[in-house]
Amino acid sequence: MAQLTRNVLRKIETILRDRQKALLEEVSGELEQREDQHLIDFLRGEPGDSGDVSLADALSDLNIARADRQIHELREIEAAFGRIKDGSFGECIDCGQDIGYERLLANPVAKRCLICQEKHEQGHAQEGHPSL
């Protein structure tokens, strides 16, 4: 494990728990809102015009993308807790060097040091983006 003191680890765990709690509240709120919207649509009984349907589809896509990001972040938080538990928290998964206190405070789910993260992003910059 990186040379992190118990106080630093407790601080990072608190940051992770607070973010996890906030994400869970956001997801719960969105699910409740989504259920309410389905009920409102059902009670209206009118599909609306094509513009309404298109807007509803676009909003639904945005909500799905946001929920996907939130779930991904929750998984990253759980993985960080796992690294804390197994003693590998703060070590870069690529080079094994310490990630760095400032980076971990700024991004407690970081699993790579800054240099390796930059290399990773450069190597994977085109993933998910079709090219002609």
Protein backbone atom coordinates (compact mmCIF):
# COMPACT_ATOMS: atom_id res chain seq x y z
CA MET A 1 0.00 0.00 0.00
CA ALA A 2 1.10 3.53 -0.62
CA GLN A 3 2.51 5.24 2.43
CA LEU A 4 -0.79 6.67 3.61
CA THR A 5 -1.40 7.31 7.27
CA ARG A 6 -4.48 6.03 9.04
CA ASN A 7 -5.78 9.59 9.26
CA VAL A 8 -5.42 10.05 5.50
CA LEU A 9 -7.16 6.74 4.82
CA ARG A 10 -10.00 7.71 7.18
CA LYS A 11 -10.34 11.05 5.41
CA ILE A 12 -10.47 9.34 2.01
CA GLU A 13 -12.96 6.74 3.29
CA THR A 14 -15.17 9.58 4.54
CA ILE A 15 -14.99 11.29 1.14
CA LEU A 16 -15.88 7.99 -0.56
CA ARG A 17 -18.78 7.28 1.84
CA ASP A 18 -20.18 10.79 1.42
CA ARG A 19 -20.03 10.54 -2.38
CA GLN A 20 -21.55 7.05 -2.29
CA LYS A 21 -24.42 8.32 -0.13
CA ALA A 22 -25.02 11.29 -2.44
CA LEU A 23 -25.03 9.06 -5.53
CA LEU A 24 -27.48 6.61 -3.95
CA GLU A 25 -29.79 9.50 -3.05
CA GLU A 26 -29.57 10.85 -6.62
CA VAL A 27 -30.36 7.46 -8.14
CA SER A 28 -33.27 6.93 -5.73
CA GLY A 29 -34.65 10.38 -6.52
CA GLU A 30 -34.42 9.78 -10.25
CA LEU A 31 -36.15 6.42 -9.95
CA GLU A 32 -38.95 7.97 -7.91
CA GLN A 33 -39.28 10.80 -10.43
CA ARG A 34 -39.30 8.34 -13.33
CA GLU A 35 -42.07 6.30 -11.71
CA ASP A 36 -44.09 9.49 -11.13
CA GLN A 37 -43.63 10.54 -14.75
CA HIS A 38 -44.81 7.15 -16.02
CA LEU A 39 -47.89 7.45 -13.80
CA ILE A 40 -48.61 10.98 -15.05
CA ASP A 41 -48.26 9.83 -18.67
CA PHE A 42 -50.53 6.87 -18.00
CA LEU A 43 -53.19 9.01 -16.34
CA ARG A 44 -53.15 11.49 -19.21
CA GLY A 45 -53.76 8.71 -21.69
CA GLU A 46 -52.54 10.88 -24.54
CA PRO A 47 -49.33 10.11 -26.43
CA GLY A 48 -48.85 13.76 -27.44
CA ASP A 49 -47.54 15.02 -30.75
CA SER A 50 -44.33 13.83 -32.40
CA GLY A 51 -42.39 16.74 -30.88
CA ASP A 52 -43.49 15.72 -27.40
CA VAL A 53 -42.51 12.13 -28.09
CA SER A 54 -39.10 13.18 -29.45
CA LEU A 55 -38.45 15.39 -26.45
CA ALA A 56 -39.51 12.61 -24.09
CA ASP A 57 -37.18 10.17 -25.90
CA ALA A 58 -34.26 12.62 -25.68
CA LEU A 59 -34.88 13.24 -21.97
CA SER A 60 -35.13 9.51 -21.37
CA ASP A 61 -31.80 8.95 -23.14
CA LEU A 62 -30.18 11.67 -21.01
CA ASN A 63 -31.58 10.11 -17.83
CA ILE A 64 -30.28 6.69 -18.85
CA ALA A 65 -26.82 8.12 -19.58
CA ARG A 66 -26.77 9.93 -16.23
CA ALA A 67 -27.88 6.79 -14.37
CA ASP A 68 -25.19 4.79 -16.20
CA ARG A 69 -22.51 7.27 -15.08
CA GLN A 70 -23.81 7.17 -11.51
CA ILE A 71 -23.77 3.37 -11.44
CA HIS A 72 -20.26 3.35 -12.91
CA GLU A 73 -19.09 5.78 -10.22
CA LEU A 74 -20.71 3.64 -7.50
CA ARG A 75 -18.79 0.64 -8.81
CA GLU A 76 -15.55 2.63 -8.77
CA ILE A 77 -16.22 3.60 -5.15
CA GLU A 78 -16.83 -0.04 -4.21
CA ALA A 79 -13.59 -1.01 -5.97
CA ALA A 80 -11.73 1.70 -4.02
CA PHE A 81 -13.11 0.30 -0.75
CA GLY A 82 -11.90 -3.12 -1.88
CA ARG A 83 -8.40 -1.75 -2.54
CA ILE A 84 -8.39 -0.15 0.90
CA LYS A 85 -9.38 -3.45 2.45
CA ASP A 86 -6.80 -5.55 0.58
CA GLY A 87 -4.01 -3.02 1.11
CA SER A 88 -3.48 -2.02 -2.51
CA PHE A 89 -5.17 1.39 -2.26
CA GLY A 90 -2.92 4.20 -3.44
CA GLU A 91 -0.78 1.98 -5.70
CA CYS A 92 -0.91 2.48 -9.46
CA ILE A 93 -2.38 -0.61 -11.14
CA ASP A 94 -0.03 -0.13 -14.10
CA CYS A 95 3.39 0.70 -12.64
CA GLY A 96 2.94 -0.10 -8.94
CA GLN A 97 4.18 3.32 -7.80
CA ASP A 98 2.35 5.47 -5.27
CA ILE A 99 -0.50 7.45 -6.79
CA GLY A 100 0.06 10.50 -4.62
CA TYR A 101 -1.81 12.03 -1.75
CA GLU A 102 -3.06 15.11 -3.65
CA ARG A 103 -4.38 13.02 -6.52
CA LEU A 104 -6.16 10.65 -4.14
CA LEU A 105 -7.79 13.55 -2.31
CA ALA A 106 -8.92 15.05 -5.61
CA ASN A 107 -10.02 11.70 -7.03
CA PRO A 108 -10.28 9.03 -4.33
CA VAL A 109 -11.23 6.35 -6.86
CA ALA A 110 -8.02 6.89 -8.86
CA LYS A 111 -6.31 3.60 -9.64
CA ARG A 112 -3.43 4.98 -11.71
CA CYS A 113 -0.73 7.55 -11.04
CA LEU A 114 -0.97 10.71 -13.12
CA ILE A 115 1.65 9.59 -15.67
CA CYS A 116 0.03 6.19 -16.24
CA GLN A 117 -3.45 7.77 -16.37
CA GLU A 118 -2.30 10.15 -19.10
CA LYS A 119 -0.83 7.23 -21.06
CA HIS A 120 -4.03 5.24 -20.56
CA GLU A 121 -6.19 8.12 -21.81
CA GLN A 122 -3.97 8.68 -24.85
CA GLY A 123 -4.09 5.00 -25.72
CA HIS A 124 -7.84 4.77 -25.28
CA ALA A 125 -8.86 8.18 -26.59
CA GLN A 126 -10.56 6.77 -29.66
CA GLU A 127 -12.47 3.97 -27.93
CA GLY A 128 -16.18 4.38 -28.32
CA HIS A 129 -15.76 7.04 -31.02
CA PRO A 130 -16.26 5.70 -34.52
CA SER A 131 -13.95 7.07 -37.16
CA LEU A 132 -14.52 7.42 -40.86
